[in-house]
């Protein structure tokens, strides 16, 4: 048991792990929604637009704080695209672009109204 906890402690020391944990949290929420019989309208409106947009913004913010590679921007939209391919309606592919935009907003959140000197 201590080997597993030691493994996770070492793994969580990596800079990219909060991005993976946030992406996994979103996946767990997507799995829970049908299990609690959340209607499609609520799932798309509440989870896909509000919750996932917030997760995407936070991923961009964490990338800015931890100075991670820009390739991490693609993780969350690709995971969502995979979920859409497997389970959700095809119009949800457009949300991948929305999530990418929110990640960019989080990445650039301090640079919107400031001129570079």
PDB file of N, CA and C in Angstrom:
ATOM      1  N   UNK A   1       0.820  -1.192   0.000  1.00  0.00           N
ATOM      2  CA  UNK A   1       0.000   0.000   0.000  1.00  0.00           C
ATOM      3  C   UNK A   1       0.870   1.264   0.000  1.00  0.00           C
ATOM      4  N   UNK A   2       1.968   1.233   0.696  1.00  0.00           N
ATOM      5  CA  UNK A   2       2.820   2.419   0.759  1.00  0.00           C
ATOM      6  C   UNK A   2       3.525   2.677  -0.575  1.00  0.00           C
ATOM      7  N   UNK A   3       3.753   1.610  -1.355  1.00  0.00           N
ATOM      8  CA  UNK A   3       4.370   1.806  -2.663  1.00  0.00           C
ATOM      9  C   UNK A   3       3.456   2.577  -3.601  1.00  0.00           C
ATOM     10  N   UNK A   4       2.174   2.304  -3.524  1.00  0.00           N
ATOM     11  CA  UNK A   4       1.212   3.013  -4.372  1.00  0.00           C
ATOM     12  C   UNK A   4       1.123   4.474  -3.956  1.00  0.00           C
ATOM     13  N   UNK A   5       1.035   4.729  -2.669  1.00  0.00           N
ATOM     14  CA  UNK A   5       0.959   6.125  -2.216  1.00  0.00           C
ATOM     15  C   UNK A   5       2.262   6.867  -2.516  1.00  0.00           C
ATOM     16  N   UNK A   6       3.374   6.181  -2.419  1.00  0.00           N
ATOM     17  CA  UNK A   6       4.657   6.808  -2.762  1.00  0.00           C
ATOM     18  C   UNK A   6       4.702   7.130  -4.254  1.00  0.00           C
ATOM     19  N   UNK A   7       4.196   6.207  -5.076  1.00  0.00           N
ATOM     20  CA  UNK A   7       4.146   6.437  -6.515  1.00  0.00           C
ATOM     21  C   UNK A   7       3.313   7.685  -6.843  1.00  0.00           C
ATOM     22  N   UNK A   8       2.129   7.800  -6.231  1.00  0.00           N
ATOM     23  CA  UNK A   8       1.282   8.964  -6.499  1.00  0.00           C
ATOM     24  C   UNK A   8       1.876  10.256  -5.953  1.00  0.00           C
ATOM     25  N   UNK A   9       2.563  10.190  -4.819  1.00  0.00           N
ATOM     26  CA  UNK A   9       3.224  11.388  -4.305  1.00  0.00           C
ATOM     27  C   UNK A   9       4.304  11.866  -5.258  1.00  0.00           C
ATOM     28  N   UNK A  10       5.079  10.940  -5.786  1.00  0.00           N
ATOM     29  CA  UNK A  10       6.124  11.295  -6.755  1.00  0.00           C
ATOM     30  C   UNK A  10       5.514  11.806  -8.057  1.00  0.00           C
ATOM     31  N   UNK A  11       4.437  11.180  -8.471  1.00  0.00           N
ATOM     32  CA  UNK A  11       3.778  11.588  -9.708  1.00  0.00           C
ATOM     33  C   UNK A  11       3.180  12.987  -9.584  1.00  0.00           C
ATOM     34  N   UNK A  12       2.615  13.308  -8.440  1.00  0.00           N
ATOM     35  CA  UNK A  12       1.993  14.615  -8.236  1.00  0.00           C
ATOM     36  C   UNK A  12       3.006  15.746  -8.117  1.00  0.00           C
ATOM     37  N   UNK A  13       4.268  15.433  -7.984  1.00  0.00           N
ATOM     38  CA  UNK A  13       5.300  16.475  -7.945  1.00  0.00           C
ATOM     39  C   UNK A  13       5.579  17.044  -9.334  1.00  0.00           C
ATOM     40  N   UNK A  14       5.133  16.363 -10.361  1.00  0.00           N
ATOM     41  CA  UNK A  14       5.343  16.832 -11.733  1.00  0.00           C
ATOM     42  C   UNK A  14       4.469  18.049 -12.006  1.00  0.00           C
ATOM     43  N   UNK A  15       4.973  18.966 -12.817  1.00  0.00           N
ATOM     44  CA  UNK A  15       4.248  20.206 -13.099  1.00  0.00           C
ATOM     45  C   UNK A  15       2.976  19.993 -13.907  1.00  0.00           C
ATOM     46  N   UNK A  16       2.923  18.970 -14.710  1.00  0.00           N
ATOM     47  CA  UNK A  16       1.779  18.768 -15.593  1.00  0.00           C
ATOM     48  C   UNK A  16       0.623  18.015 -14.944  1.00  0.00           C
ATOM     49  N   UNK A  17       0.798  17.485 -13.761  1.00  0.00           N
ATOM     50  CA  UNK A  17      -0.230  16.652 -13.148  1.00  0.00           C
ATOM     51  C   UNK A  17      -1.547  17.378 -12.845  1.00  0.00           C
ATOM     52  N   UNK A  18      -1.553  18.660 -12.433  1.00  0.00           N
ATOM     53  CA  UNK A  18      -2.856  19.299 -12.232  1.00  0.00           C
ATOM     54  C   UNK A  18      -3.708  19.345 -13.504  1.00  0.00           C
ATOM     55  N   UNK A  19      -3.068  19.450 -14.656  1.00  0.00           N
ATOM     56  CA  UNK A  19      -3.809  19.456 -15.914  1.00  0.00           C
ATOM     57  C   UNK A  19      -4.440  18.090 -16.159  1.00  0.00           C
ATOM     58  N   UNK A  20      -3.707  17.051 -15.864  1.00  0.00           N
ATOM     59  CA  UNK A  20      -4.250  15.697 -16.037  1.00  0.00           C
ATOM     60  C   UNK A  20      -5.371  15.438 -15.040  1.00  0.00           C
ATOM     61  N   UNK A  21      -5.205  15.882 -13.797  1.00  0.00           N
ATOM     62  CA  UNK A  21      -6.254  15.672 -12.797  1.00  0.00           C
ATOM     63  C   UNK A  21      -7.515  16.445 -13.150  1.00  0.00           C
ATOM     64  N   UNK A  22      -7.383  17.681 -13.642  1.00  0.00           N
ATOM     65  CA  UNK A  22      -8.567  18.440 -14.049  1.00  0.00           C
ATOM     66  C   UNK A  22      -9.266  17.780 -15.231  1.00  0.00           C
ATOM     67  N   UNK A  23      -8.506  17.260 -16.162  1.00  0.00           N
ATOM     68  CA  UNK A  23      -9.101  16.558 -17.304  1.00  0.00           C
ATOM     69  C   UNK A  23      -9.822  15.293 -16.848  1.00  0.00           C
ATOM     70  N   UNK A  24      -9.230  14.570 -15.914  1.00  0.00           N
ATOM     71  CA  UNK A  24      -9.886  13.371 -15.379  1.00  0.00           C
ATOM     72  C   UNK A  24     -11.141  13.715 -14.586  1.00  0.00           C
ATOM     73  N   UNK A  25     -11.128  14.834 -13.882  1.00  0.00           N
ATOM     74  CA  UNK A  25     -12.331  15.279 -13.172  1.00  0.00           C
ATOM     75  C   UNK A  25     -13.467  15.526 -14.154  1.00  0.00           C
ATOM     76  N   UNK A  26     -13.157  16.164 -15.267  1.00  0.00           N
ATOM     77  CA  UNK A  26     -14.186  16.406 -16.281  1.00  0.00           C
ATOM     78  C   UNK A  26     -14.718  15.090 -16.841  1.00  0.00           C
ATOM     79  N   UNK A  27     -13.845  14.125 -17.070  1.00  0.00           N
ATOM     80  CA  UNK A  27     -14.276  12.821 -17.588  1.00  0.00           C
ATOM     81  C   UNK A  27     -15.191  12.129 -16.586  1.00  0.00           C
ATOM     82  N   UNK A  28     -14.855  12.187 -15.314  1.00  0.00           N
ATOM     83  CA  UNK A  28     -15.692  11.567 -14.284  1.00  0.00           C
ATOM     84  C   UNK A  28     -17.069  12.236 -14.249  1.00  0.00           C
ATOM     85  N   UNK A  29     -17.110  13.546 -14.378  1.00  0.00           N
ATOM     86  CA  UNK A  29     -18.399  14.248 -14.399  1.00  0.00           C
ATOM     87  C   UNK A  29     -19.213  13.823 -15.623  1.00  0.00           C
ATOM     88  N   UNK A  30     -18.554  13.661 -16.783  1.00  0.00           N
ATOM     89  CA  UNK A  30     -19.276  13.210 -17.982  1.00  0.00           C
ATOM     90  C   UNK A  30     -19.858  11.821 -17.777  1.00  0.00           C
ATOM     91  N   UNK A  31     -19.143  10.966 -17.054  1.00  0.00           N
ATOM     92  CA  UNK A  31     -19.616   9.601 -16.813  1.00  0.00           C
ATOM     93  C   UNK A  31     -20.767   9.599 -15.815  1.00  0.00           C
ATOM     94  N   UNK A  32     -20.697  10.469 -14.816  1.00  0.00           N
ATOM     95  CA  UNK A  32     -21.725  10.504 -13.771  1.00  0.00           C
ATOM     96  C   UNK A  32     -23.045  11.046 -14.290  1.00  0.00           C
ATOM     97  N   UNK A  33     -23.016  11.986 -15.222  1.00  0.00           N
ATOM     98  CA  UNK A  33     -24.246  12.637 -15.699  1.00  0.00           C
ATOM     99  C   UNK A  33     -25.319  11.658 -16.175  1.00  0.00           C
ATOM    100  N   UNK A  34     -25.010  10.720 -17.063  1.00  0.00           N
ATOM    101  CA  UNK A  34     -26.063   9.773 -17.461  1.00  0.00           C
ATOM    102  C   UNK A  34     -26.487   8.838 -16.326  1.00  0.00           C
ATOM    103  N   UNK A  35     -25.574   8.561 -15.414  1.00  0.00           N
ATOM    104  CA  UNK A  35     -25.910   7.656 -14.313  1.00  0.00           C
ATOM    105  C   UNK A  35     -26.923   8.262 -13.356  1.00  0.00           C
ATOM    106  N   UNK A  36     -26.919   9.579 -13.211  1.00  0.00           N
ATOM    107  CA  UNK A  36     -27.892  10.245 -12.333  1.00  0.00           C
ATOM    108  C   UNK A  36     -29.083  10.776 -13.141  1.00  0.00           C
ATOM    109  N   UNK A  37     -29.180  10.339 -14.389  1.00  0.00           N
ATOM    110  CA  UNK A  37     -30.288  10.678 -15.290  1.00  0.00           C
ATOM    111  C   UNK A  37     -30.432  12.178 -15.505  1.00  0.00           C
ATOM    112  N   UNK A  38     -29.306  12.854 -15.650  1.00  0.00           N
ATOM    113  CA  UNK A  38     -29.317  14.275 -15.977  1.00  0.00           C
ATOM    114  C   UNK A  38     -29.727  14.417 -17.437  1.00  0.00           C
ATOM    115  N   UNK A  39     -30.723  15.234 -17.707  1.00  0.00           N
ATOM    116  CA  UNK A  39     -31.234  15.347 -19.071  1.00  0.00           C
ATOM    117  C   UNK A  39     -30.173  15.942 -20.000  1.00  0.00           C
ATOM    118  N   UNK A  40     -30.380  15.718 -21.268  1.00  0.00           N
ATOM    119  CA  UNK A  40     -29.418  16.163 -22.277  1.00  0.00           C
ATOM    120  C   UNK A  40     -29.261  17.677 -22.263  1.00  0.00           C
ATOM    121  N   UNK A  41     -30.341  18.403 -22.073  1.00  0.00           N
ATOM    122  CA  UNK A  41     -30.280  19.867 -22.052  1.00  0.00           C
ATOM    123  C   UNK A  41     -29.433  20.355 -20.890  1.00  0.00           C
ATOM    124  N   UNK A  42     -29.633  19.786 -19.713  1.00  0.00           N
ATOM    125  CA  UNK A  42     -28.848  20.174 -18.548  1.00  0.00           C
ATOM    126  C   UNK A  42     -27.393  19.771 -18.711  1.00  0.00           C
ATOM    127  N   UNK A  43     -27.167  18.590 -19.305  1.00  0.00           N
ATOM    128  CA  UNK A  43     -25.800  18.122 -19.488  1.00  0.00           C
ATOM    129  C   UNK A  43     -25.033  19.047 -20.433  1.00  0.00           C
ATOM    130  N   UNK A  44     -25.648  19.405 -21.540  1.00  0.00           N
ATOM    131  CA  UNK A  44     -24.967  20.276 -22.499  1.00  0.00           C
ATOM    132  C   UNK A  44     -24.807  21.676 -21.917  1.00  0.00           C
ATOM    133  N   UNK A  45     -25.875  22.197 -21.306  1.00  0.00           N
ATOM    134  CA  UNK A  45     -25.822  23.564 -20.783  1.00  0.00           C
ATOM    135  C   UNK A  45     -24.946  23.713 -19.566  1.00  0.00           C
ATOM    136  N   UNK A  46     -25.190  22.907 -18.576  1.00  0.00           N
ATOM    137  CA  UNK A  46     -24.486  23.059 -17.307  1.00  0.00           C
ATOM    138  C   UNK A  46     -23.082  22.475 -17.350  1.00  0.00           C
ATOM    139  N   UNK A  47     -22.964  21.249 -17.783  1.00  0.00           N
ATOM    140  CA  UNK A  47     -21.670  20.571 -17.738  1.00  0.00           C
ATOM    141  C   UNK A  47     -20.775  20.995 -18.893  1.00  0.00           C
ATOM    142  N   UNK A  48     -21.275  20.878 -20.120  1.00  0.00           N
ATOM    143  CA  UNK A  48     -20.421  21.129 -21.278  1.00  0.00           C
ATOM    144  C   UNK A  48     -20.082  22.605 -21.439  1.00  0.00           C
ATOM    145  N   UNK A  49     -21.024  23.491 -21.208  1.00  0.00           N
ATOM    146  CA  UNK A  49     -20.721  24.908 -21.413  1.00  0.00           C
ATOM    147  C   UNK A  49     -20.093  25.559 -20.183  1.00  0.00           C
ATOM    148  N   UNK A  50     -20.705  25.418 -19.041  1.00  0.00           N
ATOM    149  CA  UNK A  50     -20.234  26.156 -17.861  1.00  0.00           C
ATOM    150  C   UNK A  50     -19.060  25.448 -17.181  1.00  0.00           C
ATOM    151  N   UNK A  51     -19.254  24.204 -16.751  1.00  0.00           N
ATOM    152  CA  UNK A  51     -18.222  23.492 -15.991  1.00  0.00           C
ATOM    153  C   UNK A  51     -16.968  23.241 -16.823  1.00  0.00           C
ATOM    154  N   UNK A  52     -17.142  22.724 -18.025  1.00  0.00           N
ATOM    155  CA  UNK A  52     -15.967  22.424 -18.852  1.00  0.00           C
ATOM    156  C   UNK A  52     -15.255  23.686 -19.319  1.00  0.00           C
ATOM    157  N   UNK A  53     -15.984  24.759 -19.536  1.00  0.00           N
ATOM    158  CA  UNK A  53     -15.325  26.015 -19.902  1.00  0.00           C
ATOM    159  C   UNK A  53     -14.473  26.523 -18.746  1.00  0.00           C
ATOM    160  N   UNK A  54     -14.980  26.383 -17.523  1.00  0.00           N
ATOM    161  CA  UNK A  54     -14.195  26.763 -16.353  1.00  0.00           C
ATOM    162  C   UNK A  54     -12.954  25.880 -16.213  1.00  0.00           C
ATOM    163  N   UNK A  55     -13.117  24.578 -16.432  1.00  0.00           N
ATOM    164  CA  UNK A  55     -11.973  23.660 -16.376  1.00  0.00           C
ATOM    165  C   UNK A  55     -10.940  24.052 -17.432  1.00  0.00           C
ATOM    166  N   UNK A  56     -11.396  24.365 -18.639  1.00  0.00           N
ATOM    167  CA  UNK A  56     -10.477  24.749 -19.708  1.00  0.00           C
ATOM    168  C   UNK A  56      -9.735  26.036 -19.360  1.00  0.00           C
ATOM    169  N   UNK A  57     -10.448  27.011 -18.787  1.00  0.00           N
ATOM    170  CA  UNK A  57      -9.809  28.260 -18.366  1.00  0.00           C
ATOM    171  C   UNK A  57      -8.739  27.985 -17.313  1.00  0.00           C
ATOM    172  N   UNK A  58      -9.061  27.140 -16.356  1.00  0.00           N
ATOM    173  CA  UNK A  58      -8.102  26.812 -15.302  1.00  0.00           C
ATOM    174  C   UNK A  58      -6.886  26.062 -15.847  1.00  0.00           C
ATOM    175  N   UNK A  59      -7.088  25.220 -16.837  1.00  0.00           N
ATOM    176  CA  UNK A  59      -5.953  24.534 -17.459  1.00  0.00           C
ATOM    177  C   UNK A  59      -5.016  25.550 -18.089  1.00  0.00           C
ATOM    178  N   UNK A  60      -5.574  26.519 -18.812  1.00  0.00           N
ATOM    179  CA  UNK A  60      -4.740  27.570 -19.394  1.00  0.00           C
ATOM    180  C   UNK A  60      -4.031  28.385 -18.333  1.00  0.00           C
ATOM    181  N   UNK A  61      -4.729  28.695 -17.250  1.00  0.00           N
ATOM    182  CA  UNK A  61      -4.141  29.450 -16.141  1.00  0.00           C
ATOM    183  C   UNK A  61      -2.989  28.673 -15.506  1.00  0.00           C
ATOM    184  N   UNK A  62      -3.191  27.376 -15.283  1.00  0.00           N
ATOM    185  CA  UNK A  62      -2.122  26.547 -14.714  1.00  0.00           C
ATOM    186  C   UNK A  62      -0.929  26.444 -15.654  1.00  0.00           C
ATOM    187  N   UNK A  63      -1.197  26.400 -16.947  1.00  0.00           N
ATOM    188  CA  UNK A  63      -0.090  26.368 -17.903  1.00  0.00           C
ATOM    189  C   UNK A  63       0.735  27.637 -17.827  1.00  0.00           C
ATOM    190  N   UNK A  64       0.073  28.760 -17.609  1.00  0.00           N
ATOM    191  CA  UNK A  64       0.781  30.031 -17.472  1.00  0.00           C
ATOM    192  C   UNK A  64       1.605  30.055 -16.188  1.00  0.00           C
ATOM    193  N   UNK A  65       1.024  29.603 -15.100  1.00  0.00           N
ATOM    194  CA  UNK A  65       1.720  29.614 -13.812  1.00  0.00           C
ATOM    195  C   UNK A  65       2.924  28.676 -13.823  1.00  0.00           C
ATOM    196  N   UNK A  66       2.729  27.477 -14.346  1.00  0.00           N
ATOM    197  CA  UNK A  66       3.790  26.465 -14.308  1.00  0.00           C
ATOM    198  C   UNK A  66       4.700  26.503 -15.529  1.00  0.00           C
ATOM    199  N   UNK A  67       4.432  27.415 -16.461  1.00  0.00           N
ATOM    200  CA  UNK A  67       5.258  27.598 -17.667  1.00  0.00           C
ATOM    201  C   UNK A  67       5.419  26.288 -18.439  1.00  0.00           C
ATOM    202  N   UNK A  68       4.301  25.636 -18.697  1.00  0.00           N
ATOM    203  CA  UNK A  68       4.317  24.369 -19.420  1.00  0.00           C
ATOM    204  C   UNK A  68       4.327  24.591 -20.923  1.00  0.00           C
ATOM    205  N   UNK A  69       4.635  23.547 -21.645  1.00  0.00           N
ATOM    206  CA  UNK A  69       4.639  23.590 -23.106  1.00  0.00           C
ATOM    207  C   UNK A  69       3.221  23.849 -23.628  1.00  0.00           C
ATOM    208  N   UNK A  70       3.155  24.513 -24.759  1.00  0.00           N
ATOM    209  CA  UNK A  70       1.851  24.851 -25.346  1.00  0.00           C
ATOM    210  C   UNK A  70       1.113  23.618 -25.858  1.00  0.00           C
ATOM    211  N   UNK A  71       1.799  22.512 -25.996  1.00  0.00           N
ATOM    212  CA  UNK A  71       1.152  21.290 -26.447  1.00  0.00           C
ATOM    213  C   UNK A  71       0.102  20.793 -25.457  1.00  0.00           C
ATOM    214  N   UNK A  72       0.227  21.172 -24.199  1.00  0.00           N
ATOM    215  CA  UNK A  72      -0.753  20.755 -23.198  1.00  0.00           C
ATOM    216  C   UNK A  72      -2.117  21.374 -23.463  1.00  0.00           C
ATOM    217  N   UNK A  73      -2.175  22.419 -24.284  1.00  0.00           N
ATOM    218  CA  UNK A  73      -3.464  23.014 -24.655  1.00  0.00           C
ATOM    219  C   UNK A  73      -4.360  22.016 -25.386  1.00  0.00           C
ATOM    220  N   UNK A  74      -3.770  21.059 -26.032  1.00  0.00           N
ATOM    221  CA  UNK A  74      -4.540  20.122 -26.848  1.00  0.00           C
ATOM    222  C   UNK A  74      -5.104  18.947 -26.066  1.00  0.00           C
ATOM    223  N   UNK A  75      -4.634  18.714 -24.845  1.00  0.00           N
ATOM    224  CA  UNK A  75      -5.046  17.528 -24.093  1.00  0.00           C
ATOM    225  C   UNK A  75      -6.553  17.512 -23.824  1.00  0.00           C
ATOM    226  N   UNK A  76      -7.078  18.539 -23.210  1.00  0.00           N
ATOM    227  CA  UNK A  76      -8.494  18.556 -22.831  1.00  0.00           C
ATOM    228  C   UNK A  76      -9.417  18.523 -24.052  1.00  0.00           C
ATOM    229  N   UNK A  77      -9.188  19.349 -25.086  1.00  0.00           N
ATOM    230  CA  UNK A  77     -10.056  19.232 -26.268  1.00  0.00           C
ATOM    231  C   UNK A  77      -9.973  17.862 -26.951  1.00  0.00           C
ATOM    232  N   UNK A  78      -8.797  17.243 -26.955  1.00  0.00           N
ATOM    233  CA  UNK A  78      -8.685  15.916 -27.565  1.00  0.00           C
ATOM    234  C   UNK A  78      -9.415  14.851 -26.749  1.00  0.00           C
ATOM    235  N   UNK A  79      -9.349  14.947 -25.444  1.00  0.00           N
ATOM    236  CA  UNK A  79     -10.089  14.015 -24.590  1.00  0.00           C
ATOM    237  C   UNK A  79     -11.586  14.187 -24.824  1.00  0.00           C
ATOM    238  N   UNK A  80     -12.025  15.434 -24.926  1.00  0.00           N
ATOM    239  CA  UNK A  80     -13.442  15.678 -25.172  1.00  0.00           C
ATOM    240  C   UNK A  80     -13.845  15.182 -26.562  1.00  0.00           C
ATOM    241  N   UNK A  81     -13.002  15.381 -27.564  1.00  0.00           N
ATOM    242  CA  UNK A  81     -13.298  14.893 -28.913  1.00  0.00           C
ATOM    243  C   UNK A  81     -13.415  13.364 -28.917  1.00  0.00           C
ATOM    244  N   UNK A  82     -12.569  12.699 -28.151  1.00  0.00           N
ATOM    245  CA  UNK A  82     -12.661  11.248 -28.034  1.00  0.00           C
ATOM    246  C   UNK A  82     -13.981  10.835 -27.384  1.00  0.00           C
ATOM    247  N   UNK A  83     -14.390  11.558 -26.345  1.00  0.00           N
ATOM    248  CA  UNK A  83     -15.660  11.268 -25.680  1.00  0.00           C
ATOM    249  C   UNK A  83     -16.843  11.507 -26.621  1.00  0.00           C
ATOM    250  N   UNK A  84     -16.772  12.554 -27.432  1.00  0.00           N
ATOM    251  CA  UNK A  84     -17.835  12.833 -28.400  1.00  0.00           C
ATOM    252  C   UNK A  84     -17.899  11.711 -29.431  1.00  0.00           C
ATOM    253  N   UNK A  85     -16.750  11.259 -29.881  1.00  0.00           N
ATOM    254  CA  UNK A  85     -16.713  10.175 -30.864  1.00  0.00           C
ATOM    255  C   UNK A  85     -17.359   8.912 -30.308  1.00  0.00           C
ATOM    256  N   UNK A  86     -17.124   8.627 -29.045  1.00  0.00           N
ATOM    257  CA  UNK A  86     -17.621   7.392 -28.437  1.00  0.00           C
ATOM    258  C   UNK A  86     -19.092   7.504 -28.042  1.00  0.00           C
ATOM    259  N   UNK A  87     -19.495   8.637 -27.447  1.00  0.00           N
ATOM    260  CA  UNK A  87     -20.787   8.641 -26.768  1.00  0.00           C
ATOM    261  C   UNK A  87     -21.726   9.791 -27.123  1.00  0.00           C
ATOM    262  N   UNK A  88     -21.224  10.975 -27.394  1.00  0.00           N
ATOM    263  CA  UNK A  88     -22.087  12.142 -27.501  1.00  0.00           C
ATOM    264  C   UNK A  88     -22.412  12.484 -28.948  1.00  0.00           C
ATOM    265  N   UNK A  89     -23.320  13.448 -29.115  1.00  0.00           N
ATOM    266  CA  UNK A  89     -23.742  13.875 -30.449  1.00  0.00           C
ATOM    267  C   UNK A  89     -22.609  14.606 -31.166  1.00  0.00           C
ATOM    268  N   UNK A  90     -22.633  14.528 -32.471  1.00  0.00           N
ATOM    269  CA  UNK A  90     -21.529  15.067 -33.277  1.00  0.00           C
ATOM    270  C   UNK A  90     -21.422  16.589 -33.220  1.00  0.00           C
ATOM    271  N   UNK A  91     -22.513  17.297 -32.938  1.00  0.00           N
ATOM    272  CA  UNK A  91     -22.427  18.759 -32.849  1.00  0.00           C
ATOM    273  C   UNK A  91     -21.554  19.206 -31.684  1.00  0.00           C
ATOM    274  N   UNK A  92     -21.268  18.327 -30.750  1.00  0.00           N
ATOM    275  CA  UNK A  92     -20.415  18.678 -29.610  1.00  0.00           C
ATOM    276  C   UNK A  92     -18.952  18.848 -29.992  1.00  0.00           C
ATOM    277  N   UNK A  93     -18.588  18.442 -31.222  1.00  0.00           N
ATOM    278  CA  UNK A  93     -17.212  18.687 -31.672  1.00  0.00           C
ATOM    279  C   UNK A  93     -16.891  20.180 -31.672  1.00  0.00           C
ATOM    280  N   UNK A  94     -17.882  21.017 -31.877  1.00  0.00           N
ATOM    281  CA  UNK A  94     -17.655  22.467 -31.856  1.00  0.00           C
ATOM    282  C   UNK A  94     -17.167  22.943 -30.486  1.00  0.00           C
ATOM    283  N   UNK A  95     -17.558  22.227 -29.453  1.00  0.00           N
ATOM    284  CA  UNK A  95     -17.122  22.611 -28.112  1.00  0.00           C
ATOM    285  C   UNK A  95     -15.616  22.428 -27.920  1.00  0.00           C
ATOM    286  N   UNK A  96     -14.994  21.580 -28.702  1.00  0.00           N
ATOM    287  CA  UNK A  96     -13.528  21.436 -28.630  1.00  0.00           C
ATOM    288  C   UNK A  96     -12.859  22.770 -28.952  1.00  0.00           C
ATOM    289  N   UNK A  97     -13.390  23.471 -29.934  1.00  0.00           N
ATOM    290  CA  UNK A  97     -12.851  24.788 -30.292  1.00  0.00           C
ATOM    291  C   UNK A  97     -13.117  25.783 -29.175  1.00  0.00           C
ATOM    292  N   UNK A  98     -14.310  25.716 -28.584  1.00  0.00           N
ATOM    293  CA  UNK A  98     -14.645  26.606 -27.469  1.00  0.00           C
ATOM    294  C   UNK A  98     -13.693  26.366 -26.304  1.00  0.00           C
ATOM    295  N   UNK A  99     -13.424  25.112 -25.977  1.00  0.00           N
ATOM    296  CA  UNK A  99     -12.521  24.790 -24.865  1.00  0.00           C
ATOM    297  C   UNK A  99     -11.104  25.259 -25.152  1.00  0.00           C
ATOM    298  N   UNK A 100     -10.674  25.111 -26.386  1.00  0.00           N
ATOM    299  CA  UNK A 100      -9.351  25.600 -26.762  1.00  0.00           C
ATOM    300  C   UNK A 100      -9.275  27.111 -26.595  1.00  0.00           C
ATOM    301  N   UNK A 101     -10.338  27.821 -26.962  1.00  0.00           N
ATOM    302  CA  UNK A 101     -10.370  29.281 -26.773  1.00  0.00           C
ATOM    303  C   UNK A 101     -10.324  29.648 -25.296  1.00  0.00           C
ATOM    304  N   UNK A 102     -11.069  28.940 -24.463  1.00  0.00           N
ATOM    305  CA  UNK A 102     -11.039  29.231 -23.032  1.00  0.00           C
ATOM    306  C   UNK A 102      -9.679  28.923 -22.426  1.00  0.00           C
ATOM    307  N   UNK A 103      -9.021  27.885 -22.912  1.00  0.00           N
ATOM    308  CA  UNK A 103      -7.660  27.609 -22.441  1.00  0.00           C
ATOM    309  C   UNK A 103      -6.722  28.748 -22.823  1.00  0.00           C
ATOM    310  N   UNK A 104      -6.891  29.274 -24.017  1.00  0.00           N
ATOM    311  CA  UNK A 104      -6.070  30.416 -24.432  1.00  0.00           C
ATOM    312  C   UNK A 104      -6.386  31.646 -23.592  1.00  0.00           C
ATOM    313  N   UNK A 105      -7.662  31.856 -23.261  1.00  0.00           N
ATOM    314  CA  UNK A 105      -8.022  32.973 -22.371  1.00  0.00           C
ATOM    315  C   UNK A 105      -7.337  32.823 -21.018  1.00  0.00           C
ATOM    316  N   UNK A 106      -7.318  31.608 -20.484  1.00  0.00           N
ATOM    317  CA  UNK A 106      -6.629  31.367 -19.220  1.00  0.00           C
ATOM    318  C   UNK A 106      -5.133  31.559 -19.332  1.00  0.00           C
ATOM    319  N   UNK A 107      -4.580  31.178 -20.460  1.00  0.00           N
ATOM    320  CA  UNK A 107      -3.147  31.325 -20.685  1.00  0.00           C
ATOM    321  C   UNK A 107      -2.753  32.790 -20.805  1.00  0.00           C
ATOM    322  N   UNK A 108      -3.609  33.580 -21.432  1.00  0.00           N
ATOM    323  CA  UNK A 108      -3.303  34.991 -21.686  1.00  0.00           C
ATOM    324  C   UNK A 108      -4.012  35.934 -20.722  1.00  0.00           C
ATOM    325  N   UNK A 109      -4.546  35.451 -19.629  1.00  0.00           N
ATOM    326  CA  UNK A 109      -5.431  36.263 -18.784  1.00  0.00           C
ATOM    327  C   UNK A 109      -4.774  37.535 -18.261  1.00  0.00           C
ATOM    328  N   UNK A 110      -3.478  37.549 -18.054  1.00  0.00           N
ATOM    329  CA  UNK A 110      -2.799  38.749 -17.553  1.00  0.00           C
ATOM    330  C   UNK A 110      -2.303  39.655 -18.670  1.00  0.00           C
ATOM    331  N   UNK A 111      -2.428  39.213 -19.906  1.00  0.00           N
ATOM    332  CA  UNK A 111      -1.879  39.972 -21.027  1.00  0.00           C
ATOM    333  C   UNK A 111      -2.935  40.666 -21.877  1.00  0.00           C
ATOM    334  N   UNK A 112      -4.184  40.647 -21.489  1.00  0.00           N
ATOM    335  CA  UNK A 112      -5.227  41.220 -22.327  1.00  0.00           C
ATOM    336  C   UNK A 112      -5.142  42.733 -22.433  1.00  0.00           C
ATOM    337  N   UNK A 113      -4.947  43.402 -21.327  1.00  0.00           N
ATOM    338  CA  UNK A 113      -5.014  44.864 -21.331  1.00  0.00           C
ATOM    339  C   UNK A 113      -3.685  45.537 -21.019  1.00  0.00           C
ATOM    340  N   UNK A 114      -2.617  44.804 -21.112  1.00  0.00           N
ATOM    341  CA  UNK A 114      -1.314  45.361 -20.826  1.00  0.00           C
ATOM    342  C   UNK A 114      -0.474  45.400 -22.102  1.00  0.00           C
ATOM    343  N   UNK A 115       0.188  46.494 -22.292  1.00  0.00           N
ATOM    344  CA  UNK A 115       1.112  46.590 -23.437  1.00  0.00           C
ATOM    345  C   UNK A 115       2.453  45.992 -23.014  1.00  0.00           C
ATOM    346  N   UNK A 116       3.057  45.296 -23.947  1.00  0.00           N
ATOM    347  CA  UNK A 116       4.376  44.732 -23.687  1.00  0.00           C
ATOM    348  C   UNK A 116       5.402  45.867 -23.735  1.00  0.00           C
ATOM    349  N   UNK A 117       6.306  45.882 -22.791  1.00  0.00           N
ATOM    350  CA  UNK A 117       7.324  46.934 -22.735  1.00  0.00           C
ATOM    351  C   UNK A 117       8.640  46.421 -23.201  1.00  0.00           C
TER     352      UNK A 117
END
